[in-house]
PDB file of N, CA and C in Angstrom:
ATOM      1  N   MET A   1       8.545  27.890 -90.328  1.00  0.00           N
ATOM      2  CA  MET A   1       8.030  27.192 -89.180  1.00  0.00           C
ATOM      3  C   MET A   1       9.122  27.088 -88.124  1.00  0.00           C
ATOM      4  N   LYS A   2       8.691  26.910 -86.880  1.00  0.00           N
ATOM      5  CA  LYS A   2       9.613  26.781 -85.748  1.00  0.00           C
ATOM      6  C   LYS A   2       9.295  25.493 -84.989  1.00  0.00           C
ATOM      7  N   GLU A   3      10.329  24.866 -84.464  1.00  0.00           N
ATOM      8  CA  GLU A   3      10.157  23.753 -83.554  1.00  0.00           C
ATOM      9  C   GLU A   3      10.618  24.208 -82.183  1.00  0.00           C
ATOM     10  N   LEU A   4       9.795  23.959 -81.182  1.00  0.00           N
ATOM     11  CA  LEU A   4      10.158  24.267 -79.804  1.00  0.00           C
ATOM     12  C   LEU A   4      10.406  22.953 -79.088  1.00  0.00           C
ATOM     13  N   LYS A   5      11.533  22.863 -78.410  1.00  0.00           N
ATOM     14  CA  LYS A   5      11.857  21.719 -77.565  1.00  0.00           C
ATOM     15  C   LYS A   5      12.062  22.257 -76.164  1.00  0.00           C
ATOM     16  N   ALA A   6      11.223  21.805 -75.257  1.00  0.00           N
ATOM     17  CA  ALA A   6      11.300  22.264 -73.877  1.00  0.00           C
ATOM     18  C   ALA A   6      11.572  21.070 -72.980  1.00  0.00           C
ATOM     19  N   PHE A   7      12.555  21.193 -72.117  1.00  0.00           N
ATOM     20  CA  PHE A   7      12.878  20.167 -71.131  1.00  0.00           C
ATOM     21  C   PHE A   7      12.390  20.699 -69.789  1.00  0.00           C
ATOM     22  N   ILE A   8      11.304  20.119 -69.290  1.00  0.00           N
ATOM     23  CA  ILE A   8      10.636  20.674 -68.123  1.00  0.00           C
ATOM     24  C   ILE A   8      10.446  19.623 -67.035  1.00  0.00           C
ATOM     25  N   LYS A   9      10.138  20.108 -65.845  1.00  0.00           N
ATOM     26  CA  LYS A   9       9.896  19.215 -64.711  1.00  0.00           C
ATOM     27  C   LYS A   9       8.583  18.460 -64.920  1.00  0.00           C
ATOM     28  N   PRO A  10       8.546  17.179 -64.574  1.00  0.00           N
ATOM     29  CA  PRO A  10       7.301  16.415 -64.714  1.00  0.00           C
ATOM     30  C   PRO A  10       6.118  17.054 -63.982  1.00  0.00           C
ATOM     31  N   SER A  11       6.367  17.690 -62.867  1.00  0.00           N
ATOM     32  CA  SER A  11       5.282  18.302 -62.088  1.00  0.00           C
ATOM     33  C   SER A  11       4.649  19.503 -62.786  1.00  0.00           C
ATOM     34  N   ARG A  12       5.284  20.036 -63.827  1.00  0.00           N
ATOM     35  CA  ARG A  12       4.773  21.222 -64.516  1.00  0.00           C
ATOM     36  C   ARG A  12       4.120  20.883 -65.861  1.00  0.00           C
ATOM     37  N   VAL A  13       4.212  19.620 -66.287  1.00  0.00           N
ATOM     38  CA  VAL A  13       3.761  19.242 -67.627  1.00  0.00           C
ATOM     39  C   VAL A  13       2.273  19.519 -67.837  1.00  0.00           C
ATOM     40  N   GLN A  14       1.433  19.098 -66.931  1.00  0.00           N
ATOM     41  CA  GLN A  14      -0.002  19.269 -67.126  1.00  0.00           C
ATOM     42  C   GLN A  14      -0.363  20.738 -67.279  1.00  0.00           C
ATOM     43  N   LYS A  15       0.203  21.582 -66.444  1.00  0.00           N
ATOM     44  CA  LYS A  15      -0.090  23.022 -66.512  1.00  0.00           C
ATOM     45  C   LYS A  15       0.367  23.603 -67.858  1.00  0.00           C
ATOM     46  N   VAL A  16       1.540  23.202 -68.325  1.00  0.00           N
ATOM     47  CA  VAL A  16       2.065  23.699 -69.601  1.00  0.00           C
ATOM     48  C   VAL A  16       1.173  23.243 -70.756  1.00  0.00           C
ATOM     49  N   VAL A  17       0.852  21.954 -70.800  1.00  0.00           N
ATOM     50  CA  VAL A  17       0.052  21.414 -71.905  1.00  0.00           C
ATOM     51  C   VAL A  17      -1.351  22.028 -71.909  1.00  0.00           C
ATOM     52  N   GLU A  18      -1.953  22.200 -70.747  1.00  0.00           N
ATOM     53  CA  GLU A  18      -3.278  22.833 -70.670  1.00  0.00           C
ATOM     54  C   GLU A  18      -3.232  24.268 -71.180  1.00  0.00           C
ATOM     55  N   ALA A  19      -2.222  25.020 -70.787  1.00  0.00           N
ATOM     56  CA  ALA A  19      -2.096  26.409 -71.239  1.00  0.00           C
ATOM     57  C   ALA A  19      -1.898  26.474 -72.749  1.00  0.00           C
ATOM     58  N   LEU A  20      -1.084  25.585 -73.283  1.00  0.00           N
ATOM     59  CA  LEU A  20      -0.885  25.554 -74.733  1.00  0.00           C
ATOM     60  C   LEU A  20      -2.195  25.233 -75.450  1.00  0.00           C
ATOM     61  N   GLY A  21      -2.908  24.205 -74.980  1.00  0.00           N
ATOM     62  CA  GLY A  21      -4.171  23.810 -75.593  1.00  0.00           C
ATOM     63  C   GLY A  21      -5.211  24.911 -75.564  1.00  0.00           C
ATOM     64  N   GLU A  22      -5.287  25.628 -74.442  1.00  0.00           N
ATOM     65  CA  GLU A  22      -6.244  26.730 -74.308  1.00  0.00           C
ATOM     66  C   GLU A  22      -5.936  27.881 -75.257  1.00  0.00           C
ATOM     67  N   ASN A  23      -4.713  27.907 -75.770  1.00  0.00           N
ATOM     68  CA  ASN A  23      -4.303  28.984 -76.672  1.00  0.00           C
ATOM     69  C   ASN A  23      -4.090  28.494 -78.100  1.00  0.00           C
ATOM     70  N   GLY A  24      -4.671  27.339 -78.436  1.00  0.00           N
ATOM     71  CA  GLY A  24      -4.656  26.864 -79.818  1.00  0.00           C
ATOM     72  C   GLY A  24      -3.510  25.955 -80.201  1.00  0.00           C
ATOM     73  N   PHE A  25      -2.618  25.658 -79.286  1.00  0.00           N
ATOM     74  CA  PHE A  25      -1.509  24.745 -79.577  1.00  0.00           C
ATOM     75  C   PHE A  25      -1.923  23.351 -79.116  1.00  0.00           C
ATOM     76  N   GLU A  26      -2.595  22.621 -79.989  1.00  0.00           N
ATOM     77  CA  GLU A  26      -3.194  21.352 -79.588  1.00  0.00           C
ATOM     78  C   GLU A  26      -2.301  20.150 -79.833  1.00  0.00           C
ATOM     79  N   SER A  27      -1.323  20.263 -80.697  1.00  0.00           N
ATOM     80  CA  SER A  27      -0.482  19.114 -81.048  1.00  0.00           C
ATOM     81  C   SER A  27       0.899  19.257 -80.428  1.00  0.00           C
ATOM     82  N   VAL A  28       1.134  18.488 -79.383  1.00  0.00           N
ATOM     83  CA  VAL A  28       2.448  18.455 -78.750  1.00  0.00           C
ATOM     84  C   VAL A  28       2.852  16.999 -78.584  1.00  0.00           C
ATOM     85  N   THR A  29       4.129  16.773 -78.506  1.00  0.00           N
ATOM     86  CA  THR A  29       4.665  15.447 -78.233  1.00  0.00           C
ATOM     87  C   THR A  29       5.404  15.509 -76.915  1.00  0.00           C
ATOM     88  N   LEU A  30       5.157  14.525 -76.062  1.00  0.00           N
ATOM     89  CA  LEU A  30       5.808  14.450 -74.756  1.00  0.00           C
ATOM     90  C   LEU A  30       6.620  13.166 -74.674  1.00  0.00           C
ATOM     91  N   SER A  31       7.823  13.273 -74.132  1.00  0.00           N
ATOM     92  CA  SER A  31       8.690  12.111 -73.923  1.00  0.00           C
ATOM     93  C   SER A  31       9.268  12.189 -72.525  1.00  0.00           C
ATOM     94  N   GLN A  32       9.211  11.081 -71.800  1.00  0.00           N
ATOM     95  CA  GLN A  32       9.833  11.039 -70.486  1.00  0.00           C
ATOM     96  C   GLN A  32      11.322  10.788 -70.656  1.00  0.00           C
ATOM     97  N   GLY A  33      12.104  11.393 -69.797  1.00  0.00           N
ATOM     98  CA  GLY A  33      13.538  11.197 -69.882  1.00  0.00           C
ATOM     99  C   GLY A  33      14.223  11.478 -68.563  1.00  0.00           C
ATOM    100  N   GLU A  34      15.514  11.371 -68.613  1.00  0.00           N
ATOM    101  CA  GLU A  34      16.364  11.683 -67.471  1.00  0.00           C
ATOM    102  C   GLU A  34      17.508  12.529 -67.989  1.00  0.00           C
ATOM    103  N   GLY A  35      18.033  13.374 -67.114  1.00  0.00           N
ATOM    104  CA  GLY A  35      19.122  14.220 -67.563  1.00  0.00           C
ATOM    105  C   GLY A  35      19.987  14.716 -66.430  1.00  0.00           C
ATOM    106  N   THR A  36      20.976  15.460 -66.826  1.00  0.00           N
ATOM    107  CA  THR A  36      21.857  16.131 -65.890  1.00  0.00           C
ATOM    108  C   THR A  36      21.823  17.604 -66.225  1.00  0.00           C
ATOM    109  N   GLY A  37      22.231  18.417 -65.305  1.00  0.00           N
ATOM    110  CA  GLY A  37      22.244  19.844 -65.558  1.00  0.00           C
ATOM    111  C   GLY A  37      23.145  20.554 -64.582  1.00  0.00           C
ATOM    112  N   ALA A  38      23.177  21.868 -64.704  1.00  0.00           N
ATOM    113  CA  ALA A  38      24.029  22.666 -63.837  1.00  0.00           C
ATOM    114  C   ALA A  38      23.493  22.701 -62.411  1.00  0.00           C
ATOM    115  N   TYR A  39      22.172  22.522 -62.266  1.00  0.00           N
ATOM    116  CA  TYR A  39      21.567  22.583 -60.942  1.00  0.00           C
ATOM    117  C   TYR A  39      21.178  21.186 -60.494  1.00  0.00           C
ATOM    118  N   ASN A  40      21.606  20.803 -59.300  1.00  0.00           N
ATOM    119  CA  ASN A  40      21.216  19.522 -58.720  1.00  0.00           C
ATOM    120  C   ASN A  40      20.301  19.781 -57.537  1.00  0.00           C
ATOM    121  N   ARG A  41      19.090  19.254 -57.619  1.00  0.00           N
ATOM    122  CA  ARG A  41      18.153  19.390 -56.503  1.00  0.00           C
ATOM    123  C   ARG A  41      18.652  18.601 -55.313  1.00  0.00           C
ATOM    124  N   ARG A  42      18.229  19.014 -54.126  1.00  0.00           N
ATOM    125  CA  ARG A  42      18.626  18.295 -52.911  1.00  0.00           C
ATOM    126  C   ARG A  42      18.075  16.877 -52.888  1.00  0.00           C
ATOM    127  N   ASP A  43      16.888  16.684 -53.481  1.00  0.00           N
ATOM    128  CA  ASP A  43      16.287  15.353 -53.472  1.00  0.00           C
ATOM    129  C   ASP A  43      16.604  14.545 -54.731  1.00  0.00           C
ATOM    130  N   ALA A  44      17.546  15.022 -55.536  1.00  0.00           N
ATOM    131  CA  ALA A  44      17.942  14.289 -56.747  1.00  0.00           C
ATOM    132  C   ALA A  44      18.614  12.981 -56.349  1.00  0.00           C
ATOM    133  N   PHE A  45      18.436  11.998 -57.198  1.00  0.00           N
ATOM    134  CA  PHE A  45      19.036  10.702 -56.920  1.00  0.00           C
ATOM    135  C   PHE A  45      19.488  10.087 -58.230  1.00  0.00           C
ATOM    136  N   PRO A  46      20.521   9.260 -58.199  1.00  0.00           N
ATOM    137  CA  PRO A  46      20.993   8.634 -59.427  1.00  0.00           C
ATOM    138  C   PRO A  46      19.931   7.691 -59.999  1.00  0.00           C
ATOM    139  N   SER A  47      19.887   7.610 -61.293  1.00  0.00           N
ATOM    140  CA  SER A  47      18.960   6.727 -61.973  1.00  0.00           C
ATOM    141  C   SER A  47      19.386   5.276 -61.806  1.00  0.00           C
ATOM    142  N   LEU A  48      18.413   4.393 -61.810  1.00  0.00           N
ATOM    143  CA  LEU A  48      18.722   2.969 -61.780  1.00  0.00           C
ATOM    144  C   LEU A  48      19.132   2.471 -63.163  1.00  0.00           C
ATOM    145  N   ASP A  49      18.669   3.168 -64.211  1.00  0.00           N
ATOM    146  CA  ASP A  49      18.986   2.761 -65.572  1.00  0.00           C
ATOM    147  C   ASP A  49      20.270   3.404 -66.097  1.00  0.00           C
ATOM    148  N   PHE A  50      20.482   4.667 -65.748  1.00  0.00           N
ATOM    149  CA  PHE A  50      21.646   5.410 -66.219  1.00  0.00           C
ATOM    150  C   PHE A  50      22.369   5.948 -64.995  1.00  0.00           C
ATOM    151  N   HIS A  51      23.552   5.538 -64.772  1.00  0.00           N
ATOM    152  CA  HIS A  51      24.258   5.877 -63.536  1.00  0.00           C
ATOM    153  C   HIS A  51      24.839   7.294 -63.516  1.00  0.00           C
ATOM    154  N   PHE A  52      24.603   8.054 -64.572  1.00  0.00           N
ATOM    155  CA  PHE A  52      25.155   9.405 -64.624  1.00  0.00           C
ATOM    156  C   PHE A  52      24.066  10.476 -64.594  1.00  0.00           C
ATOM    157  N   THR A  53      22.794  10.103 -64.590  1.00  0.00           N
ATOM    158  CA  THR A  53      21.732  11.101 -64.583  1.00  0.00           C
ATOM    159  C   THR A  53      21.203  11.306 -63.169  1.00  0.00           C
ATOM    160  N   ASP A  54      20.611  12.467 -62.945  1.00  0.00           N
ATOM    161  CA  ASP A  54      20.121  12.757 -61.601  1.00  0.00           C
ATOM    162  C   ASP A  54      18.749  13.419 -61.558  1.00  0.00           C
ATOM    163  N   SER A  55      18.127  13.646 -62.692  1.00  0.00           N
ATOM    164  CA  SER A  55      16.845  14.346 -62.687  1.00  0.00           C
ATOM    165  C   SER A  55      15.892  13.756 -63.715  1.00  0.00           C
ATOM    166  N   LYS A  56      14.650  13.548 -63.304  1.00  0.00           N
ATOM    167  CA  LYS A  56      13.596  13.169 -64.246  1.00  0.00           C
ATOM    168  C   LYS A  56      13.182  14.429 -64.993  1.00  0.00           C
ATOM    169  N   ILE A  57      12.958  14.302 -66.296  1.00  0.00           N
ATOM    170  CA  ILE A  57      12.509  15.425 -67.106  1.00  0.00           C
ATOM    171  C   ILE A  57      11.448  14.940 -68.087  1.00  0.00           C
ATOM    172  N   VAL A  58      10.725  15.885 -68.650  1.00  0.00           N
ATOM    173  CA  VAL A  58       9.831  15.605 -69.763  1.00  0.00           C
ATOM    174  C   VAL A  58      10.246  16.521 -70.900  1.00  0.00           C
ATOM    175  N   LYS A  59      10.411  15.936 -72.088  1.00  0.00           N
ATOM    176  CA  LYS A  59      10.711  16.747 -73.268  1.00  0.00           C
ATOM    177  C   LYS A  59       9.399  16.991 -73.999  1.00  0.00           C
ATOM    178  N   LEU A  60       9.065  18.245 -74.173  1.00  0.00           N
ATOM    179  CA  LEU A  60       7.882  18.657 -74.897  1.00  0.00           C
ATOM    180  C   LEU A  60       8.339  19.190 -76.250  1.00  0.00           C
ATOM    181  N   GLU A  61       7.743  18.690 -77.310  1.00  0.00           N
ATOM    182  CA  GLU A  61       8.070  19.163 -78.655  1.00  0.00           C
ATOM    183  C   GLU A  61       6.817  19.702 -79.322  1.00  0.00           C
ATOM    184  N   LEU A  62       6.979  20.810 -80.021  1.00  0.00           N
ATOM    185  CA  LEU A  62       5.865  21.509 -80.649  1.00  0.00           C
ATOM    186  C   LEU A  62       6.389  22.192 -81.902  1.00  0.00           C
ATOM    187  N   VAL A  63       5.655  22.073 -82.994  1.00  0.00           N
ATOM    188  CA  VAL A  63       5.993  22.787 -84.222  1.00  0.00           C
ATOM    189  C   VAL A  63       4.855  23.752 -84.519  1.00  0.00           C
ATOM    190  N   CYS A  64       5.222  24.988 -84.847  1.00  0.00           N
ATOM    191  CA  CYS A  64       4.206  26.010 -85.114  1.00  0.00           C
ATOM    192  C   CYS A  64       4.706  26.979 -86.184  1.00  0.00           C
ATOM    193  N   GLN A  65       3.816  27.834 -86.617  1.00  0.00           N
ATOM    194  CA  GLN A  65       4.181  28.875 -87.577  1.00  0.00           C
ATOM    195  C   GLN A  65       5.092  29.894 -86.893  1.00  0.00           C
ATOM    196  N   ASN A  66       5.929  30.553 -87.668  1.00  0.00           N
ATOM    197  CA  ASN A  66       6.889  31.519 -87.125  1.00  0.00           C
ATOM    198  C   ASN A  66       6.229  32.553 -86.222  1.00  0.00           C
ATOM    199  N   GLU A  67       5.074  33.077 -86.656  1.00  0.00           N
ATOM    200  CA  GLU A  67       4.424  34.142 -85.896  1.00  0.00           C
ATOM    201  C   GLU A  67       3.795  33.653 -84.598  1.00  0.00           C
ATOM    202  N   GLN A  68       3.666  32.345 -84.407  1.00  0.00           N
ATOM    203  CA  GLN A  68       3.108  31.781 -83.181  1.00  0.00           C
ATOM    204  C   GLN A  68       4.181  31.416 -82.154  1.00  0.00           C
ATOM    205  N   ALA A  69       5.429  31.399 -82.569  1.00  0.00           N
ATOM    206  CA  ALA A  69       6.515  30.899 -81.713  1.00  0.00           C
ATOM    207  C   ALA A  69       6.680  31.718 -80.439  1.00  0.00           C
ATOM    208  N   ALA A  70       6.634  33.023 -80.531  1.00  0.00           N
ATOM    209  CA  ALA A  70       6.823  33.867 -79.340  1.00  0.00           C
ATOM    210  C   ALA A  70       5.744  33.594 -78.295  1.00  0.00           C
ATOM    211  N   LYS A  71       4.503  33.401 -78.733  1.00  0.00           N
ATOM    212  CA  LYS A  71       3.412  33.105 -77.802  1.00  0.00           C
ATOM    213  C   LYS A  71       3.629  31.746 -77.142  1.00  0.00           C
ATOM    214  N   ALA A  72       4.062  30.750 -77.903  1.00  0.00           N
ATOM    215  CA  ALA A  72       4.323  29.422 -77.351  1.00  0.00           C
ATOM    216  C   ALA A  72       5.460  29.476 -76.332  1.00  0.00           C
ATOM    217  N   VAL A  73       6.503  30.231 -76.634  1.00  0.00           N
ATOM    218  CA  VAL A  73       7.621  30.391 -75.695  1.00  0.00           C
ATOM    219  C   VAL A  73       7.125  31.023 -74.401  1.00  0.00           C
ATOM    220  N   GLU A  74       6.306  32.054 -74.526  1.00  0.00           N
ATOM    221  CA  GLU A  74       5.756  32.736 -73.347  1.00  0.00           C
ATOM    222  C   GLU A  74       4.928  31.775 -72.490  1.00  0.00           C
ATOM    223  N   LEU A  75       4.065  30.994 -73.123  1.00  0.00           N
ATOM    224  CA  LEU A  75       3.206  30.059 -72.391  1.00  0.00           C
ATOM    225  C   LEU A  75       4.007  28.967 -71.691  1.00  0.00           C
ATOM    226  N   ILE A  76       4.987  28.406 -72.389  1.00  0.00           N
ATOM    227  CA  ILE A  76       5.804  27.347 -71.793  1.00  0.00           C
ATOM    228  C   ILE A  76       6.617  27.908 -70.635  1.00  0.00           C
ATOM    229  N   SER A  77       7.210  29.062 -70.828  1.00  0.00           N
ATOM    230  CA  SER A  77       8.026  29.674 -69.778  1.00  0.00           C
ATOM    231  C   SER A  77       7.193  30.027 -68.554  1.00  0.00           C
ATOM    232  N   LYS A  78       6.066  30.665 -68.769  1.00  0.00           N
ATOM    233  CA  LYS A  78       5.214  31.093 -67.658  1.00  0.00           C
ATOM    234  C   LYS A  78       4.673  29.897 -66.870  1.00  0.00           C
ATOM    235  N   ASN A  79       4.224  28.870 -67.563  1.00  0.00           N
ATOM    236  CA  ASN A  79       3.584  27.735 -66.904  1.00  0.00           C
ATOM    237  C   ASN A  79       4.559  26.638 -66.502  1.00  0.00           C
ATOM    238  N   GLY A  80       5.779  26.705 -66.986  1.00  0.00           N
ATOM    239  CA  GLY A  80       6.795  25.720 -66.615  1.00  0.00           C
ATOM    240  C   GLY A  80       7.603  26.117 -65.397  1.00  0.00           C
ATOM    241  N   ARG A  81       7.426  27.360 -64.948  1.00  0.00           N
ATOM    242  CA  ARG A  81       8.176  27.855 -63.781  1.00  0.00           C
ATOM    243  C   ARG A  81       7.686  27.224 -62.499  1.00  0.00           C
ATOM    244  N   SER A  82       8.619  27.059 -61.574  1.00  0.00           N
ATOM    245  CA  SER A  82       8.277  26.596 -60.229  1.00  0.00           C
ATOM    246  C   SER A  82       9.037  27.470 -59.236  1.00  0.00           C
ATOM    247  N   PRO A  83       8.752  27.360 -57.960  1.00  0.00           N
ATOM    248  CA  PRO A  83       9.485  28.153 -56.967  1.00  0.00           C
ATOM    249  C   PRO A  83      10.940  27.694 -56.799  1.00  0.00           C
ATOM    250  N   GLU A  84      11.261  26.510 -57.286  1.00  0.00           N
ATOM    251  CA  GLU A  84      12.612  25.976 -57.130  1.00  0.00           C
ATOM    252  C   GLU A  84      13.495  26.350 -58.316  1.00  0.00           C
ATOM    253  N   GLN A  85      14.779  26.096 -58.173  1.00  0.00           N
ATOM    254  CA  GLN A  85      15.711  26.291 -59.283  1.00  0.00           C
ATOM    255  C   GLN A  85      15.638  25.085 -60.211  1.00  0.00           C
ATOM    256  N   GLY A  86      16.262  25.214 -61.378  1.00  0.00           N
ATOM    257  CA  GLY A  86      16.379  24.089 -62.295  1.00  0.00           C
ATOM    258  C   GLY A  86      15.094  23.760 -63.021  1.00  0.00           C
ATOM    259  N   ASP A  87      14.387  24.787 -63.514  1.00  0.00           N
ATOM    260  CA  ASP A  87      13.110  24.550 -64.187  1.00  0.00           C
ATOM    261  C   ASP A  87      13.256  23.999 -65.603  1.00  0.00           C
ATOM    262  N   GLY A  88      14.436  23.979 -66.150  1.00  0.00           N
ATOM    263  CA  GLY A  88      14.618  23.404 -67.479  1.00  0.00           C
ATOM    264  C   GLY A  88      15.105  24.421 -68.479  1.00  0.00           C
ATOM    265  N   ILE A  89      14.981  24.047 -69.745  1.00  0.00           N
ATOM    266  CA  ILE A  89      15.461  24.894 -70.828  1.00  0.00           C
ATOM    267  C   ILE A  89      14.554  24.715 -72.031  1.00  0.00           C
ATOM    268  N   LEU A  90      14.503  25.737 -72.875  1.00  0.00           N
ATOM    269  CA  LEU A  90      13.636  25.745 -74.051  1.00  0.00           C
ATOM    270  C   LEU A  90      14.449  26.183 -75.259  1.00  0.00           C
ATOM    271  N   TYR A  91      14.395  25.393 -76.314  1.00  0.00           N
ATOM    272  CA  TYR A  91      15.090  25.716 -77.559  1.00  0.00           C
ATOM    273  C   TYR A  91      14.068  26.044 -78.629  1.00  0.00           C
ATOM    274  N   VAL A  92      14.403  27.000 -79.499  1.00  0.00           N
ATOM    275  CA  VAL A  92      13.588  27.315 -80.669  1.00  0.00           C
ATOM    276  C   VAL A  92      14.475  27.084 -81.890  1.00  0.00           C
ATOM    277  N   ILE A  93      13.985  26.241 -82.787  1.00  0.00           N
ATOM    278  CA  ILE A  93      14.779  25.794 -83.934  1.00  0.00           C
ATOM    279  C   ILE A  93      14.000  26.081 -85.212  1.00  0.00           C
ATOM    280  N   ASP A  94      14.689  26.552 -86.248  1.00  0.00           N
ATOM    281  CA  ASP A  94      14.053  26.741 -87.552  1.00  0.00           C
ATOM    282  C   ASP A  94      13.772  25.388 -88.193  1.00  0.00           C
ATOM    283  N   VAL A  95      12.571  25.238 -88.743  1.00  0.00           N
ATOM    284  CA  VAL A  95      12.200  24.037 -89.480  1.00  0.00           C
ATOM    285  C   VAL A  95      12.256  24.386 -90.962  1.00  0.00           C
ATOM    286  N   GLU A  96      13.120  23.717 -91.665  1.00  0.00           N
ATOM    287  CA  GLU A  96      13.298  24.010 -93.090  1.00  0.00           C
ATOM    288  C   GLU A  96      12.087  23.575 -93.902  1.00  0.00           C
ATOM    289  N   SER A  97      11.582  22.389 -93.641  1.00  0.00           N
ATOM    290  CA  SER A  97      10.402  21.890 -94.343  1.00  0.00           C
ATOM    291  C   SER A  97       9.780  20.764 -93.539  1.00  0.00           C
ATOM    292  N   ALA A  98       8.503  20.478 -93.841  1.00  0.00           N
ATOM    293  CA  ALA A  98       7.765  19.400 -93.178  1.00  0.00           C
ATOM    294  C   ALA A  98       6.858  18.741 -94.208  1.00  0.00           C
ATOM    295  N   TYR A  99       6.648  17.443 -94.066  1.00  0.00           N
ATOM    296  CA  TYR A  99       5.846  16.675 -95.012  1.00  0.00           C
ATOM    297  C   TYR A  99       4.914  15.725 -94.280  1.00  0.00           C
ATOM    298  N   ARG A 100       3.755  15.497 -94.846  1.00  0.00           N
ATOM    299  CA  ARG A 100       2.840  14.481 -94.314  1.00  0.00           C
ATOM    300  C   ARG A 100       3.348  13.109 -94.740  1.00  0.00           C
ATOM    301  N   ILE A 101       3.450  12.203 -93.799  1.00  0.00           N
ATOM    302  CA  ILE A 101       3.964  10.877 -94.103  1.00  0.00           C
ATOM    303  C   ILE A 101       3.034  10.136 -95.057  1.00  0.00           C
ATOM    304  N   LYS A 102       1.738  10.190 -94.831  1.00  0.00           N
ATOM    305  CA  LYS A 102       0.786   9.447 -95.655  1.00  0.00           C
ATOM    306  C   LYS A 102       0.845   9.838 -97.125  1.00  0.00           C
ATOM    307  N   SER A 103       0.866  11.141 -97.407  1.00  0.00           N
ATOM    308  CA  SER A 103       0.802  11.598 -98.802  1.00  0.00           C
ATOM    309  C   SER A 103       2.128  12.092 -99.357  1.00  0.00           C
ATOM    310  N   GLY A 104       3.067  12.414 -98.478  1.00  0.00           N
ATOM    311  CA  GLY A 104       4.318  12.993 -98.946  1.00  0.00           C
ATOM    312  C   GLY A 104       4.199  14.455 -99.323  1.00  0.00           C
ATOM    313  N   GLU A 105       3.021  15.038 -99.093  1.00  0.00           N
ATOM    314  CA  GLU A 105       2.802  16.439 -99.447  1.00  0.00           C
ATOM    315  C   GLU A 105       3.420  17.353 -98.412  1.00  0.00           C
ATOM    316  N   PRO A 106       3.944  18.503 -98.872  1.00  0.00           N
ATOM    317  CA  PRO A 106       4.529  19.450 -97.909  1.00  0.00           C
ATOM    318  C   PRO A 106       3.452  20.099 -97.047  1.00  0.00           C
ATOM    319  N   ILE A 107       3.852  20.430 -95.824  1.00  0.00           N
ATOM    320  CA  ILE A 107       2.983  21.150 -94.899  1.00  0.00           C
ATOM    321  C   ILE A 107       3.427  22.603 -94.906  1.00  0.00           C
ATOM    322  N   ASP A 108       2.476  23.494 -95.079  1.00  0.00           N
ATOM    323  CA  ASP A 108       2.814  24.933 -95.091  1.00  0.00           C
ATOM    324  C   ASP A 108       2.971  25.469 -93.714  1.00  0.00           C
TER     325      ASP A 108
END
């Protein structure tokens, strides 16, 4: 199994999630966050909560079978793009094992 973690612009989240859902990736987790990066937008501003961050981001997390990972990467990349720089980053991580919390049974 693979875990995908994508840090994307809030304005692109709906398009990314819709594209994933239309292609069978129905279970995603979204978290709002703030971050820093190599690219600073002209309209970036310091956070009121964290004085070192300058960009709002959304972290999208998705776990899928190995053979589905390339398609998920393609969908996130294609739909997460914008005309501006600093569209984010996407990580693909190997998942050693997964278990259902309720039963403790492994997930294949």
